[in-house]
């Protein structure tokens, strides 16, 4: 059995208390994880088609979205010809598969085009932030024959 003098006991207790109250930076939990998710900027990425592709309408469009939900009756993806202010804005047809939608047949889209895809609210209003739009350049778009 070990006998300690009062000064040694006090020093030992003080060291234990300091050690138990000190938090190392790596042990600090991440702050406001929910706030960061709520502040995420809606972002659209088009995985296919890619620049210089040739496609035939209707055509599958593969995409990834962050900070926004694309669902039936909810958010959507729209497409329009870059630089054609009077051209139609066409809603992609949703799919049951996540990250997949279909660009429908539309005569206005055929030809060599820069086609812009954009996230839109349920009411059809396009989101204004630049990360919510992607332009696929020099697409050759053919209609069904």
Protein backbone atom coordinates (compact mmCIF):
# COMPACT_ATOMS: atom_id res chain seq x y z
CA UNK A 1 0.00 0.00 0.00
CA UNK A 2 1.32 3.43 -0.96
CA UNK A 3 1.00 6.40 1.39
CA UNK A 4 0.98 9.90 -0.13
CA UNK A 5 1.40 13.20 1.65
CA UNK A 6 -1.40 15.82 1.34
CA UNK A 7 0.58 17.99 -1.10
CA UNK A 8 1.04 15.04 -3.49
CA UNK A 9 -2.66 14.20 -3.28
CA UNK A 10 -3.61 17.81 -4.03
CA UNK A 11 -1.26 17.92 -7.03
CA UNK A 12 -2.62 14.61 -8.37
CA UNK A 13 -6.28 15.74 -8.00
CA UNK A 14 -5.52 19.10 -9.64
CA UNK A 15 -3.84 17.40 -12.62
CA UNK A 16 -6.78 15.01 -13.02
CA UNK A 17 -9.30 17.85 -12.93
CA UNK A 18 -7.37 19.90 -15.49
CA UNK A 19 -7.01 16.89 -17.78
CA UNK A 20 -10.72 16.07 -17.59
CA UNK A 21 -11.78 19.67 -18.32
CA UNK A 22 -9.44 20.26 -21.25
CA UNK A 23 -10.89 19.48 -24.66
CA UNK A 24 -8.54 18.85 -27.52
CA UNK A 25 -9.42 20.62 -30.80
CA UNK A 26 -9.89 17.27 -32.55
CA UNK A 27 -12.54 16.36 -29.98
CA UNK A 28 -14.70 19.44 -30.60
CA UNK A 29 -17.89 18.41 -32.39
CA UNK A 30 -18.54 20.13 -35.74
CA UNK A 31 -20.50 23.32 -35.19
CA UNK A 32 -23.87 23.90 -36.82
CA UNK A 33 -23.90 20.98 -39.25
CA UNK A 34 -27.62 21.60 -39.84
CA UNK A 35 -27.04 25.29 -40.56
CA UNK A 36 -24.41 24.43 -43.16
CA UNK A 37 -26.85 22.07 -44.93
CA UNK A 38 -29.60 24.70 -44.86
CA UNK A 39 -27.24 27.28 -46.38
CA UNK A 40 -26.17 25.01 -49.26
CA UNK A 41 -26.39 26.74 -52.62
CA UNK A 42 -28.49 24.72 -55.11
CA UNK A 43 -26.08 23.19 -57.61
CA UNK A 44 -26.73 21.33 -60.86
CA UNK A 45 -24.26 19.08 -62.65
CA UNK A 46 -25.05 17.51 -66.04
CA UNK A 47 -23.31 14.16 -66.40
CA UNK A 48 -24.63 13.45 -69.89
CA UNK A 49 -24.93 14.60 -72.59
CA UNK A 50 -21.52 16.25 -72.79
CA UNK A 51 -20.05 18.98 -75.01
CA UNK A 52 -19.86 17.98 -78.71
CA UNK A 53 -22.22 14.96 -78.32
CA UNK A 54 -24.84 14.04 -80.91
CA UNK A 55 -28.21 13.08 -79.42
CA UNK A 56 -31.61 12.06 -80.77
CA UNK A 57 -34.75 13.33 -79.05
CA UNK A 58 -36.23 12.21 -76.76
CA UNK A 59 -32.94 11.73 -74.93
CA UNK A 60 -31.92 10.67 -71.42
CA UNK A 61 -30.19 13.34 -69.33
CA UNK A 62 -28.10 12.20 -66.37
CA UNK A 63 -27.60 14.77 -63.64
CA UNK A 64 -26.57 15.36 -60.04
CA UNK A 65 -28.12 18.00 -57.77
CA UNK A 66 -27.01 19.35 -54.39
CA UNK A 67 -29.00 21.60 -52.07
CA UNK A 68 -32.25 21.18 -54.03
CA UNK A 69 -34.81 18.41 -54.51
CA UNK A 70 -35.97 17.39 -57.97
CA UNK A 71 -39.16 15.32 -57.65
CA UNK A 72 -42.51 14.86 -59.38
CA UNK A 73 -44.60 17.90 -58.54
CA UNK A 74 -41.64 19.60 -56.86
CA UNK A 75 -38.43 21.06 -58.24
CA UNK A 76 -37.61 20.36 -61.84
CA UNK A 77 -34.97 20.77 -64.52
CA UNK A 78 -35.68 22.90 -67.56
CA UNK A 79 -33.75 23.27 -70.81
CA UNK A 80 -33.48 26.11 -73.31
CA UNK A 81 -31.27 27.09 -76.22
CA UNK A 82 -28.54 29.45 -75.05
CA UNK A 83 -28.98 32.91 -76.59
CA UNK A 84 -32.50 32.31 -77.94
CA UNK A 85 -34.53 34.74 -75.83
CA UNK A 86 -37.74 33.97 -77.73
CA UNK A 87 -37.28 30.19 -77.66
CA UNK A 88 -39.23 27.84 -75.44
CA UNK A 89 -38.11 26.75 -71.98
CA UNK A 90 -38.75 23.01 -71.90
CA UNK A 91 -39.29 20.97 -68.72
CA UNK A 92 -37.45 17.68 -68.66
CA UNK A 93 -39.68 14.67 -68.05
CA UNK A 94 -38.92 13.08 -64.70
CA UNK A 95 -37.98 9.47 -64.20
CA UNK A 96 -38.41 7.08 -61.29
CA UNK A 97 -34.63 6.62 -61.33
CA UNK A 98 -32.74 9.20 -59.28
CA UNK A 99 -30.48 11.43 -61.38
CA UNK A 100 -32.26 10.65 -64.65
CA UNK A 101 -34.72 12.75 -66.67
CA UNK A 102 -35.67 12.93 -70.34
CA UNK A 103 -35.35 15.79 -72.78
CA UNK A 104 -38.56 15.50 -74.84
CA UNK A 105 -38.90 15.89 -78.59
CA UNK A 106 -39.18 19.51 -79.68
CA UNK A 107 -38.51 20.82 -83.20
CA UNK A 108 -37.06 24.06 -81.84
CA UNK A 109 -34.20 22.17 -80.20
CA UNK A 110 -32.96 20.38 -83.32
CA UNK A 111 -29.72 21.46 -84.91
CA UNK A 112 -26.28 22.40 -83.55
CA UNK A 113 -27.00 24.07 -80.20
CA UNK A 114 -25.59 25.26 -76.91
CA UNK A 115 -28.26 23.89 -74.57
CA UNK A 116 -28.65 25.28 -71.05
CA UNK A 117 -30.12 23.16 -68.26
CA UNK A 118 -31.41 24.98 -65.17
CA UNK A 119 -33.03 24.10 -61.85
CA UNK A 120 -36.56 25.44 -61.45
CA UNK A 121 -39.05 25.65 -58.60
CA UNK A 122 -42.33 23.73 -58.73
CA UNK A 123 -44.04 26.80 -60.26
CA UNK A 124 -41.50 26.78 -63.12
CA UNK A 125 -39.47 29.78 -61.93
CA UNK A 126 -35.80 29.27 -62.77
CA UNK A 127 -33.38 29.58 -59.86
CA UNK A 128 -31.21 32.67 -60.23
CA UNK A 129 -27.87 31.45 -58.90
CA UNK A 130 -25.26 30.55 -61.55
CA UNK A 131 -24.50 27.18 -59.89
CA UNK A 132 -28.07 26.07 -60.75
CA UNK A 133 -27.35 26.30 -64.52
CA UNK A 134 -25.16 24.28 -66.84
CA UNK A 135 -24.65 24.87 -70.56
CA UNK A 136 -23.70 21.91 -72.72
CA UNK A 137 -21.97 23.32 -75.78
CA UNK A 138 -22.05 22.33 -79.42
CA UNK A 139 -24.70 19.61 -79.08
CA UNK A 140 -25.96 18.19 -82.33
CA UNK A 141 -29.63 17.50 -81.61
CA UNK A 142 -31.62 15.33 -83.98
CA UNK A 143 -35.33 14.59 -84.02
CA UNK A 144 -36.74 11.10 -84.43
CA UNK A 145 -36.98 9.93 -87.97
